C-alpha atoms as a PDB file:
ATOM      1  CA  MET A   1       0.374  19.956  10.344  1.00  0.00           C
ATOM      2  CA  GLY A   2       0.379  21.703   6.932  1.00  0.00           C
ATOM      3  CA  ARG A   3      -2.442  23.807   5.583  1.00  0.00           C
ATOM      4  CA  ASP A   4      -2.638  21.915   2.491  1.00  0.00           C
ATOM      5  CA  LEU A   5      -3.819  18.659   3.950  1.00  0.00           C
ATOM      6  CA  PRO A   6      -7.038  17.104   2.448  1.00  0.00           C
ATOM      7  CA  LEU A   7      -9.952  17.386   4.869  1.00  0.00           C
ATOM      8  CA  ALA A   8     -12.573  15.328   3.012  1.00  0.00           C
ATOM      9  CA  PRO A   9     -12.664  11.528   3.352  1.00  0.00           C
ATOM     10  CA  PRO A  10     -11.146   9.948   0.284  1.00  0.00           C
ATOM     11  CA  GLU A  11     -13.411   8.092  -2.065  1.00  0.00           C
ATOM     12  CA  LYS A  12     -11.357   5.185  -3.554  1.00  0.00           C
ATOM     13  CA  GLY A  13     -14.290   3.128  -5.045  1.00  0.00           C
ATOM     14  CA  TYR A  14     -14.499   5.186  -8.245  1.00  0.00           C
ATOM     15  CA  PRO A  15     -11.475   6.219 -10.280  1.00  0.00           C
ATOM     16  CA  PRO A  16     -11.480   9.703 -11.888  1.00  0.00           C
ATOM     17  CA  SER A  17     -10.753   8.237 -15.282  1.00  0.00           C
ATOM     18  CA  PRO A  18     -10.891   4.699 -16.711  1.00  0.00           C
ATOM     19  CA  ALA A  19      -7.733   2.475 -16.684  1.00  0.00           C
ATOM     20  CA  GLU A  20      -6.283   1.494 -20.041  1.00  0.00           C
ATOM     21  CA  ARG A  21      -4.840  -1.833 -21.017  1.00  0.00           C
ATOM     22  CA  PHE A  22      -1.081  -2.290 -20.603  1.00  0.00           C
ATOM     23  CA  VAL A  23       0.648  -4.084 -23.484  1.00  0.00           C
ATOM     24  CA  PRO A  24       4.247  -4.842 -22.794  1.00  0.00           C
ATOM     25  CA  THR A  25       6.757  -4.384 -25.560  1.00  0.00           C
ATOM     26  CA  GLY A  26      10.215  -6.038 -25.488  1.00  0.00           C
ATOM     27  CA  ARG A  27       8.856  -8.185 -22.660  1.00  0.00           C
ATOM     28  CA  GLU A  28      11.440  -9.828 -20.496  1.00  0.00           C
ATOM     29  CA  LYS A  29      10.655 -13.148 -19.046  1.00  0.00           C
ATOM     30  CA  ALA A  30      11.172 -14.013 -15.406  1.00  0.00           C
ATOM     31  CA  GLY A  31      14.255 -16.032 -16.267  1.00  0.00           C
ATOM     32  CA  SER A  32      16.081 -13.097 -17.853  1.00  0.00           C
ATOM     33  CA  ALA A  33      19.067 -11.438 -16.160  1.00  0.00           C
ATOM     34  CA  ARG A  34      16.913  -8.533 -15.059  1.00  0.00           C
ATOM     35  CA  TRP A  35      14.534 -10.651 -12.998  1.00  0.00           C
ATOM     36  CA  ARG A  36      16.910 -13.621 -12.053  1.00  0.00           C
ATOM     37  CA  SER A  37      17.255 -12.427  -8.481  1.00  0.00           C
ATOM     38  CA  THR A  38      13.620 -12.016  -7.784  1.00  0.00           C
ATOM     39  CA  GLY A  39      12.791 -15.791  -8.197  1.00  0.00           C
ATOM     40  CA  PRO A  40      12.935 -17.294  -4.693  1.00  0.00           C
ATOM     41  CA  PRO A  41      11.299 -14.369  -2.741  1.00  0.00           C
ATOM     42  CA  VAL A  42       8.560 -13.954  -5.304  1.00  0.00           C
ATOM     43  CA  ASP A  43       7.855 -17.623  -5.558  1.00  0.00           C
ATOM     44  CA  SER A  44       7.552 -17.867  -1.763  1.00  0.00           C
ATOM     45  CA  VAL A  45       4.526 -15.509  -1.381  1.00  0.00           C
ATOM     46  CA  SER A  46       2.160 -17.435   0.787  1.00  0.00           C
ATOM     47  CA  ALA A  47      -1.694 -17.048   0.247  1.00  0.00           C
ATOM     48  CA  ASP A  48      -2.258 -18.706   3.662  1.00  0.00           C
ATOM     49  CA  ALA A  49      -0.052 -16.030   5.497  1.00  0.00           C
ATOM     50  CA  LEU A  50      -1.971 -13.280   3.718  1.00  0.00           C
ATOM     51  CA  ARG A  51      -5.365 -14.750   4.779  1.00  0.00           C
ATOM     52  CA  ASN A  52      -4.142 -15.103   8.389  1.00  0.00           C
ATOM     53  CA  THR A  53      -3.178 -11.478   8.599  1.00  0.00           C
ATOM     54  CA  VAL A  54      -6.430 -10.385   6.930  1.00  0.00           C
ATOM     55  CA  GLU A  55      -8.494 -12.554   9.347  1.00  0.00           C
ATOM     56  CA  GLU A  56      -6.559 -11.196  12.421  1.00  0.00           C
ATOM     57  CA  LEU A  57      -7.076  -7.552  11.464  1.00  0.00           C
ATOM     58  CA  ALA A  58     -10.720  -8.041  10.395  1.00  0.00           C
ATOM     59  CA  ALA A  59     -11.398  -9.704  13.768  1.00  0.00           C
ATOM     60  CA  PHE A  60     -11.167  -6.273  15.409  1.00  0.00           C
ATOM     61  CA  HIS A  61     -14.777  -5.111  15.717  1.00  0.00           C
ATOM     62  CA  THR A  62     -13.592  -1.913  13.932  1.00  0.00           C
ATOM     63  CA  ARG A  63     -10.371  -0.237  13.047  1.00  0.00           C
ATOM     64  CA  HIS A  64     -11.793   3.128  12.821  1.00  0.00           C
ATOM     65  CA  THR A  65      -9.273   5.840  13.620  1.00  0.00           C
ATOM     66  CA  PHE A  66     -11.479   7.235  16.431  1.00  0.00           C
ATOM     67  CA  SER A  67     -12.270   3.878  17.995  1.00  0.00           C
ATOM     68  CA  PRO A  68     -10.191   2.718  21.065  1.00  0.00           C
ATOM     69  CA  LEU A  69      -9.308  -0.321  19.009  1.00  0.00           C
ATOM     70  CA  ILE A  70      -7.044   1.486  16.649  1.00  0.00           C
ATOM     71  CA  GLY A  71      -4.162   1.229  19.108  1.00  0.00           C
ATOM     72  CA  PRO A  72      -4.426  -2.570  19.575  1.00  0.00           C
ATOM     73  CA  ALA A  73      -4.626  -2.948  15.771  1.00  0.00           C
ATOM     74  CA  ALA A  74      -1.404  -0.983  15.419  1.00  0.00           C
ATOM     75  CA  GLU A  75       0.193  -3.167  17.904  1.00  0.00           C
ATOM     76  CA  GLU A  76      -0.863  -6.238  16.004  1.00  0.00           C
ATOM     77  CA  ILE A  77       0.975  -4.901  13.009  1.00  0.00           C
ATOM     78  CA  VAL A  78       4.011  -4.093  15.216  1.00  0.00           C
ATOM     79  CA  ASN A  79       4.187  -7.571  16.461  1.00  0.00           C
ATOM     80  CA  ARG A  80       3.955  -9.173  13.072  1.00  0.00           C
ATOM     81  CA  LEU A  81       6.739  -6.939  11.671  1.00  0.00           C
ATOM     82  CA  THR A  82       8.880  -7.710  14.724  1.00  0.00           C
ATOM     83  CA  ALA A  83       8.157 -11.432  14.328  1.00  0.00           C
ATOM     84  CA  ALA A  84       9.284 -11.155  10.787  1.00  0.00           C
ATOM     85  CA  GLY A  85      12.818 -10.195  11.999  1.00  0.00           C
ATOM     86  CA  TYR A  86      12.850  -6.523  12.149  1.00  0.00           C
ATOM     87  CA  PRO A  87      14.280  -4.751  15.151  1.00  0.00           C
ATOM     88  CA  ASP A  88      13.350  -1.232  14.056  1.00  0.00           C
ATOM     89  CA  VAL A  89       9.609  -1.061  14.253  1.00  0.00           C
ATOM     90  CA  VAL A  90       8.028   1.987  15.708  1.00  0.00           C
ATOM     91  CA  ARG A  91       4.642   3.668  16.281  1.00  0.00           C
ATOM     92  CA  ARG A  92       4.723   7.337  15.348  1.00  0.00           C
ATOM     93  CA  THR A  93       1.748   9.478  16.763  1.00  0.00           C
ATOM     94  CA  TRP A  94       0.137  12.261  14.830  1.00  0.00           C
ATOM     95  CA  THR A  95      -2.621  14.640  15.814  1.00  0.00           C
ATOM     96  CA  ASN A  96      -5.222  16.162  13.713  1.00  0.00           C
ATOM     97  CA  ALA A  97      -8.601  17.986  14.616  1.00  0.00           C
ATOM     98  CA  GLY A  98      -8.325  16.807  18.247  1.00  0.00           C
ATOM     99  CA  HIS A  99      -7.703  13.267  17.333  1.00  0.00           C
ATOM    100  CA  SER A 100      -4.505  11.250  17.607  1.00  0.00           C
ATOM    101  CA  ALA A 101      -3.458   7.840  16.301  1.00  0.00           C
ATOM    102  CA  ASP A 102      -0.216   6.085  15.354  1.00  0.00           C
ATOM    103  CA  ASN A 103       1.454   5.148  11.888  1.00  0.00           C
ATOM    104  CA  VAL A 104       3.457   2.006  12.143  1.00  0.00           C
ATOM    105  CA  ILE A 105       6.906   2.320  10.561  1.00  0.00           C
ATOM    106  CA  CYS A 106       9.340  -0.653   9.981  1.00  0.00           C
ATOM    107  CA  THR A 107      12.772   0.152   8.392  1.00  0.00           C
ATOM    108  CA  LYS A 108      14.968  -2.167   6.472  1.00  0.00           C
ATOM    109  CA  PRO A 109      18.370  -0.378   5.995  1.00  0.00           C
ATOM    110  CA  GLY A 110      19.891  -0.486   2.487  1.00  0.00           C
ATOM    111  CA  THR A 111      23.340  -1.697   1.832  1.00  0.00           C
ATOM    112  CA  GLU A 112      24.450   1.575  -0.022  1.00  0.00           C
ATOM    113  CA  PRO A 113      24.474   4.707   2.076  1.00  0.00           C
ATOM    114  CA  GLY A 114      22.846   7.633   0.250  1.00  0.00           C
ATOM    115  CA  SER A 115      20.652   5.335  -1.951  1.00  0.00           C
ATOM    116  CA  PRO A 116      17.049   6.455  -2.320  1.00  0.00           C
ATOM    117  CA  VAL A 117      14.500   5.513   0.368  1.00  0.00           C
ATOM    118  CA  VAL A 118      11.521   3.527  -0.887  1.00  0.00           C
ATOM    119  CA  LEU A 119       8.308   3.546   0.998  1.00  0.00           C
ATOM    120  CA  LEU A 120       5.840   0.561   0.725  1.00  0.00           C
ATOM    121  CA  CYS A 121       2.680   1.722   2.371  1.00  0.00           C
ATOM    122  CA  ALA A 122      -0.916   0.861   3.144  1.00  0.00           C
ATOM    123  CA  HIS A 123      -3.499   2.173   5.508  1.00  0.00           C
ATOM    124  CA  TYR A 124      -4.776  -0.080   8.291  1.00  0.00           C
ATOM    125  CA  ASP A 125      -7.813   1.976   9.459  1.00  0.00           C
ATOM    126  CA  CYS A 126     -11.284   1.296   8.100  1.00  0.00           C
ATOM    127  CA  ARG A 127     -14.846   2.657   8.279  1.00  0.00           C
ATOM    128  CA  MET A 128     -18.416   2.209   7.397  1.00  0.00           C
ATOM    129  CA  GLU A 129     -20.445   4.535   4.947  1.00  0.00           C
ATOM    130  CA  ASP A 130     -20.592   7.138   7.681  1.00  0.00           C
ATOM    131  CA  PRO A 131     -16.977   8.219   8.127  1.00  0.00           C
ATOM    132  CA  HIS A 132     -17.695   9.382  11.706  1.00  0.00           C
ATOM    133  CA  ASP A 133     -19.159   6.134  12.922  1.00  0.00           C
ATOM    134  CA  ALA A 134     -16.458   4.669  15.125  1.00  0.00           C
ATOM    135  CA  THR A 135     -18.589   2.118  16.804  1.00  0.00           C
ATOM    136  CA  ALA A 136     -20.228   0.085  13.948  1.00  0.00           C
ATOM    137  CA  ARG A 137     -18.748  -3.247  12.905  1.00  0.00           C
ATOM    138  CA  ALA A 138     -16.241  -2.614  10.154  1.00  0.00           C
ATOM    139  CA  PRO A 139     -14.078  -5.613   9.158  1.00  0.00           C
ATOM    140  CA  GLY A 140     -12.296  -3.601   6.500  1.00  0.00           C
ATOM    141  CA  ALA A 141     -10.887  -6.837   4.835  1.00  0.00           C
ATOM    142  CA  ASP A 142     -10.399  -5.515   1.385  1.00  0.00           C
ATOM    143  CA  ASP A 143     -10.178  -1.811   2.511  1.00  0.00           C
ATOM    144  CA  ASN A 144      -7.552  -2.349   3.695  1.00  0.00           C
ATOM    145  CA  ALA A 145      -6.435  -5.301   5.651  1.00  0.00           C
ATOM    146  CA  GLY A 146      -5.446  -7.042   2.324  1.00  0.00           C
ATOM    147  CA  GLY A 147      -2.998  -4.196   1.564  1.00  0.00           C
ATOM    148  CA  VAL A 148      -1.451  -4.326   5.014  1.00  0.00           C
ATOM    149  CA  ALA A 149      -1.121  -8.171   4.672  1.00  0.00           C
ATOM    150  CA  ALA A 150       0.702  -7.784   1.421  1.00  0.00           C
ATOM    151  CA  ILE A 151       3.161  -5.277   3.050  1.00  0.00           C
ATOM    152  CA  ILE A 152       3.763  -7.742   6.041  1.00  0.00           C
ATOM    153  CA  GLU A 153       4.398 -10.654   3.683  1.00  0.00           C
ATOM    154  CA  ILE A 154       6.803  -8.672   1.632  1.00  0.00           C
ATOM    155  CA  ALA A 155       8.620  -7.588   4.695  1.00  0.00           C
ATOM    156  CA  ARG A 156       8.776 -11.193   5.859  1.00  0.00           C
ATOM    157  CA  LEU A 157      10.292 -12.347   2.610  1.00  0.00           C
ATOM    158  CA  LEU A 158      12.851  -9.528   2.308  1.00  0.00           C
ATOM    159  CA  ALA A 159      14.078  -9.813   5.984  1.00  0.00           C
ATOM    160  CA  THR A 160      17.281 -11.540   4.988  1.00  0.00           C
ATOM    161  CA  VAL A 161      17.594 -10.315   1.328  1.00  0.00           C
ATOM    162  CA  PRO A 162      20.298  -7.428   1.042  1.00  0.00           C
ATOM    163  CA  LEU A 163      18.918  -4.491  -0.959  1.00  0.00           C
ATOM    164  CA  PRO A 164      20.801  -1.317  -1.976  1.00  0.00           C
ATOM    165  CA  SER A 165      17.941   1.047  -1.078  1.00  0.00           C
ATOM    166  CA  THR A 166      16.401   1.449   2.321  1.00  0.00           C
ATOM    167  CA  ILE A 167      12.864   0.307   2.469  1.00  0.00           C
ATOM    168  CA  ARG A 168      10.320   1.582   4.977  1.00  0.00           C
ATOM    169  CA  PHE A 169       7.221  -0.506   5.520  1.00  0.00           C
ATOM    170  CA  VAL A 170       4.517   1.890   6.603  1.00  0.00           C
ATOM    171  CA  ALA A 171       0.868   1.167   7.802  1.00  0.00           C
ATOM    172  CA  PHE A 172      -0.957   4.492   8.103  1.00  0.00           C
ATOM    173  CA  SER A 173      -4.005   5.415  10.222  1.00  0.00           C
ATOM    174  CA  GLY A 174      -6.286   8.319   9.558  1.00  0.00           C
ATOM    175  CA  GLU A 175      -6.658   7.523   5.817  1.00  0.00           C
ATOM    176  CA  GLU A 176     -10.396   7.337   5.897  1.00  0.00           C
ATOM    177  CA  GLN A 177     -10.716  10.701   7.557  1.00  0.00           C
ATOM    178  CA  GLY A 178      -8.617  12.533   4.797  1.00  0.00           C
ATOM    179  CA  LEU A 179      -5.150  11.007   4.630  1.00  0.00           C
ATOM    180  CA  TRP A 180      -4.302  12.261   7.975  1.00  0.00           C
ATOM    181  CA  GLY A 181      -1.611   9.757   8.948  1.00  0.00           C
ATOM    182  CA  SER A 182       0.247   9.933   5.621  1.00  0.00           C
ATOM    183  CA  SER A 183       0.020  13.655   5.501  1.00  0.00           C
ATOM    184  CA  ALA A 184       1.680  13.957   8.810  1.00  0.00           C
ATOM    185  CA  TYR A 185       4.372  11.555   7.887  1.00  0.00           C
ATOM    186  CA  ALA A 186       5.040  13.194   4.530  1.00  0.00           C
ATOM    187  CA  GLU A 187       5.301  16.507   6.190  1.00  0.00           C
ATOM    188  CA  ALA A 188       7.696  15.189   8.895  1.00  0.00           C
ATOM    189  CA  LEU A 189       9.981  13.420   6.324  1.00  0.00           C
ATOM    190  CA  HIS A 190      10.308  16.526   4.213  1.00  0.00           C
ATOM    191  CA  ALA A 191      10.591  18.915   7.244  1.00  0.00           C
ATOM    192  CA  ALA A 192      13.658  16.705   8.332  1.00  0.00           C
ATOM    193  CA  GLY A 193      15.148  16.680   4.825  1.00  0.00           C
ATOM    194  CA  ASP A 194      14.485  12.923   4.622  1.00  0.00           C
ATOM    195  CA  GLY A 195      11.915  12.866   1.817  1.00  0.00           C
ATOM    196  CA  ALA A 196      11.029   9.467   0.207  1.00  0.00           C
ATOM    197  CA  HIS A 197      12.346   9.009  -3.238  1.00  0.00           C
ATOM    198  CA  GLN A 198       9.788   6.457  -4.250  1.00  0.00           C
ATOM    199  CA  VAL A 199       6.445   5.579  -2.797  1.00  0.00           C
ATOM    200  CA  VAL A 200       4.438   2.372  -3.529  1.00  0.00           C
ATOM    201  CA  ASN A 201       0.865   2.284  -2.154  1.00  0.00           C
ATOM    202  CA  LEU A 202      -1.402  -0.685  -1.809  1.00  0.00           C
ATOM    203  CA  ASP A 203      -5.081   0.303  -1.223  1.00  0.00           C
ATOM    204  CA  MET A 204      -7.817  -2.290  -2.031  1.00  0.00           C
ATOM    205  CA  VAL A 205      -5.876  -5.262  -3.653  1.00  0.00           C
ATOM    206  CA  GLY A 206      -7.810  -8.406  -2.578  1.00  0.00           C
ATOM    207  CA  ARG A 207     -10.890  -8.590  -4.670  1.00  0.00           C
ATOM    208  CA  PRO A 208     -10.427  -8.859  -8.489  1.00  0.00           C
ATOM    209  CA  PRO A 209     -12.830  -7.017 -10.901  1.00  0.00           C
ATOM    210  CA  ALA A 210     -14.896  -8.950 -13.392  1.00  0.00           C
ATOM    211  CA  ASP A 211     -11.972  -9.083 -15.931  1.00  0.00           C
ATOM    212  CA  GLY A 212      -9.475 -10.264 -13.132  1.00  0.00           C
ATOM    213  CA  SER A 213      -7.120  -7.379 -13.795  1.00  0.00           C
ATOM    214  CA  VAL A 214      -4.804  -5.250 -11.585  1.00  0.00           C
ATOM    215  CA  THR A 215      -4.457  -1.640 -12.200  1.00  0.00           C
ATOM    216  CA  VAL A 216      -1.074  -0.033 -11.746  1.00  0.00           C
ATOM    217  CA  GLU A 217      -1.566   3.519 -10.812  1.00  0.00           C
ATOM    218  CA  ARG A 218       0.871   6.372 -11.870  1.00  0.00           C
ATOM    219  CA  ASP A 219       1.099  10.161 -11.594  1.00  0.00           C
ATOM    220  CA  LEU A 220      -0.793  12.051 -14.328  1.00  0.00           C
ATOM    221  CA  GLY A 221      -0.515  15.754 -13.297  1.00  0.00           C
ATOM    222  CA  ASN A 222      -1.821  16.375  -9.741  1.00  0.00           C
ATOM    223  CA  SER A 223       0.114  18.904  -7.635  1.00  0.00           C
ATOM    224  CA  VAL A 224       3.590  18.526  -8.914  1.00  0.00           C
ATOM    225  CA  PRO A 225       3.742  17.738 -12.639  1.00  0.00           C
ATOM    226  CA  GLY A 226       7.568  17.652 -12.666  1.00  0.00           C
ATOM    227  CA  ASN A 227       7.440  14.149 -11.083  1.00  0.00           C
ATOM    228  CA  ASP A 228       5.096  12.639 -13.663  1.00  0.00           C
ATOM    229  CA  ALA A 229       7.772  11.201 -15.960  1.00  0.00           C
ATOM    230  CA  ALA A 230       9.667   9.312 -13.139  1.00  0.00           C
ATOM    231  CA  SER A 231       6.322   8.034 -11.772  1.00  0.00           C
ATOM    232  CA  GLN A 232       5.291   6.759 -15.228  1.00  0.00           C
ATOM    233  CA  ALA A 233       8.596   5.060 -15.711  1.00  0.00           C
ATOM    234  CA  PHE A 234       8.413   3.480 -12.229  1.00  0.00           C
ATOM    235  CA  ALA A 235       4.866   2.352 -13.108  1.00  0.00           C
ATOM    236  CA  GLU A 236       6.178   0.687 -16.243  1.00  0.00           C
ATOM    237  CA  VAL A 237       8.647  -1.442 -13.968  1.00  0.00           C
ATOM    238  CA  MET A 238       5.584  -2.515 -11.909  1.00  0.00           C
ATOM    239  CA  ALA A 239       3.424  -3.282 -14.934  1.00  0.00           C
ATOM    240  CA  ARG A 240       6.187  -5.306 -16.478  1.00  0.00           C
ATOM    241  CA  ALA A 241       6.581  -7.239 -13.135  1.00  0.00           C
ATOM    242  CA  ALA A 242       2.873  -8.005 -13.280  1.00  0.00           C
ATOM    243  CA  ALA A 243       3.067  -9.160 -16.805  1.00  0.00           C
ATOM    244  CA  ASP A 244       6.075 -11.271 -16.122  1.00  0.00           C
ATOM    245  CA  HIS A 245       5.433 -12.738 -12.716  1.00  0.00           C
ATOM    246  CA  THR A 246       1.534 -13.288 -12.758  1.00  0.00           C
ATOM    247  CA  ALA A 247      -1.213 -14.119 -15.337  1.00  0.00           C
ATOM    248  CA  LEU A 248      -3.183 -11.168 -14.340  1.00  0.00           C
ATOM    249  CA  PRO A 249      -4.384  -8.743 -17.096  1.00  0.00           C
ATOM    250  CA  VAL A 250      -2.719  -5.357 -16.460  1.00  0.00           C
ATOM    251  CA  ARG A 251      -4.121  -1.874 -16.759  1.00  0.00           C
ATOM    252  CA  LEU A 252      -2.754   1.477 -16.135  1.00  0.00           C
ATOM    253  CA  GLY A 253      -4.762   4.106 -14.262  1.00  0.00           C
ATOM    254  CA  PRO A 254      -4.233   7.292 -12.277  1.00  0.00           C
ATOM    255  CA  ILE A 255      -3.177   7.812  -8.749  1.00  0.00           C
ATOM    256  CA  TYR A 256      -5.942   9.286  -6.519  1.00  0.00           C
ATOM    257  CA  SER A 257      -7.647   9.388  -3.255  1.00  0.00           C
ATOM    258  CA  SER A 258      -5.076   7.452  -1.164  1.00  0.00           C
ATOM    259  CA  ASP A 259      -1.993   7.677   0.924  1.00  0.00           C
ATOM    260  CA  TYR A 260       0.483   8.438  -1.822  1.00  0.00           C
ATOM    261  CA  MET A 261      -1.083  11.878  -2.597  1.00  0.00           C
ATOM    262  CA  PRO A 262       0.709  13.774   0.187  1.00  0.00           C
ATOM    263  CA  PHE A 263       4.058  12.444  -1.020  1.00  0.00           C
ATOM    264  CA  GLU A 264       3.241  13.417  -4.670  1.00  0.00           C
ATOM    265  CA  ALA A 265       2.307  16.959  -3.484  1.00  0.00           C
ATOM    266  CA  ARG A 266       5.874  17.163  -1.951  1.00  0.00           C
ATOM    267  CA  GLY A 267       7.597  16.032  -5.160  1.00  0.00           C
ATOM    268  CA  ASP A 268       8.060  12.334  -4.628  1.00  0.00           C
ATOM    269  CA  VAL A 269       7.682   9.561  -7.174  1.00  0.00           C
ATOM    270  CA  THR A 270       4.533   7.693  -6.544  1.00  0.00           C
ATOM    271  CA  ILE A 271       2.743   4.663  -7.882  1.00  0.00           C
ATOM    272  CA  GLY A 272       0.330   2.083  -6.610  1.00  0.00           C
ATOM    273  CA  ALA A 273      -1.496  -1.173  -7.181  1.00  0.00           C
ATOM    274  CA  TYR A 274      -5.223  -1.362  -7.139  1.00  0.00           C
ATOM    275  CA  GLU A 275      -7.966  -3.845  -7.938  1.00  0.00           C
ATOM    276  CA  GLY A 276     -10.166  -1.409  -9.719  1.00  0.00           C
ATOM    277  CA  GLU A 277     -13.745  -0.303  -9.047  1.00  0.00           C
ATOM    278  CA  GLY A 278     -16.627  -2.733  -8.422  1.00  0.00           C
ATOM    279  CA  ASN A 279     -16.329  -4.022  -4.917  1.00  0.00           C
ATOM    280  CA  PRO A 280     -19.964  -4.029  -3.574  1.00  0.00           C
ATOM    281  CA  HIS A 281     -18.740  -4.348  -0.006  1.00  0.00           C
ATOM    282  CA  TYR A 282     -16.794  -0.997   0.011  1.00  0.00           C
ATOM    283  CA  HIS A 283     -17.228   0.749   3.396  1.00  0.00           C
ATOM    284  CA  ARG A 284     -19.764  -1.998   4.456  1.00  0.00           C
ATOM    285  CA  THR A 285     -20.060  -4.488   7.213  1.00  0.00           C
ATOM    286  CA  SER A 286     -19.941  -7.151   4.559  1.00  0.00           C
ATOM    287  CA  ASP A 287     -16.314  -6.367   3.758  1.00  0.00           C
ATOM    288  CA  THR A 288     -15.258  -9.507   5.376  1.00  0.00           C
ATOM    289  CA  PRO A 289     -12.294 -11.943   4.813  1.00  0.00           C
ATOM    290  CA  GLU A 290     -14.395 -14.454   3.092  1.00  0.00           C
ATOM    291  CA  THR A 291     -15.180 -11.926   0.190  1.00  0.00           C
ATOM    292  CA  LEU A 292     -11.405 -11.793  -0.710  1.00  0.00           C
ATOM    293  CA  ASP A 293      -9.565 -13.860  -3.411  1.00  0.00           C
ATOM    294  CA  TYR A 294      -6.412 -14.963  -1.778  1.00  0.00           C
ATOM    295  CA  GLY A 295      -4.750 -16.283  -4.925  1.00  0.00           C
ATOM    296  CA  TYR A 296      -5.443 -12.647  -6.529  1.00  0.00           C
ATOM    297  CA  LEU A 297      -4.033 -10.991  -3.400  1.00  0.00           C
ATOM    298  CA  ALA A 298      -0.944 -13.332  -3.631  1.00  0.00           C
ATOM    299  CA  ASP A 299      -0.431 -12.342  -7.228  1.00  0.00           C
ATOM    300  CA  VAL A 300      -0.589  -8.573  -6.299  1.00  0.00           C
ATOM    301  CA  THR A 301       1.907  -9.183  -3.451  1.00  0.00           C
ATOM    302  CA  ARG A 302       4.223 -11.045  -5.954  1.00  0.00           C
ATOM    303  CA  LEU A 303       4.156  -8.222  -8.551  1.00  0.00           C
ATOM    304  CA  THR A 304       4.794  -5.603  -5.812  1.00  0.00           C
ATOM    305  CA  LEU A 305       7.695  -7.651  -4.392  1.00  0.00           C
ATOM    306  CA  ALA A 306       9.163  -8.165  -7.821  1.00  0.00           C
ATOM    307  CA  THR A 307       8.968  -4.456  -8.481  1.00  0.00           C
ATOM    308  CA  LEU A 308      10.969  -3.719  -5.280  1.00  0.00           C
ATOM    309  CA  LEU A 309      13.637  -6.329  -6.469  1.00  0.00           C
ATOM    310  CA  ALA A 310      13.866  -5.034 -10.063  1.00  0.00           C
END
């Protein structure tokens, strides 16, 4: 693995800078030509399906990367993506600091050869306050079974929808130890000359902040400033999708401390959706399915799906 990989556990609970309110200009309604094709899939997002996936993942005693349960958790994700209608679902093993685990990768081929690849990703591992405690009860509902559930639901709804770009639905392990799984995958893609063109990351998207907003994250400097403008333009698409397909207040914030960072460092265009700081259950046993707002999670799923269809 590359020498530039982060070693410290990421701290997602506190953004490095405050998010700012997004005010759309020249807003296009969902019935306009641009959004016309998004209607049926976006309208079909199921809060019940999202809840079911969150509950199944949180039922594992822990999904800590160093736990023997990380393998069965990966297999649960494989089975759900396969049941959604995808024949190309694989587990890819990475190794770091003497530890190994799998990323789960599901590929939906695009209809136009040579079109850019889009990664829709979330991490499925979780932890307690002590990042080395692999035995304590850690439901990891908001961090990050909700993000994985959104990806599986989007994959289900897109299974029969032809899209020009190839989409890879990716569930990473090793995020809580320092983005280990995503770093390994980003390095492998670029070493093979198969770098992702766009990366959409969902990390903590199931428990709304006090104002009920969603934060659309975009690249503001970081390792490769040259990809900032494209990231900000892509974030504009997501922010407009949120404004047009949900009633959520929309904010714009920075990308930080999650699985898009290794891709940004290699020049890819990265954005994310995030609930914002304020979850008192972050990295605690109390991060259970009952603490999530499934209407909110469904809205974040809708705006992400609409972004992919835009």
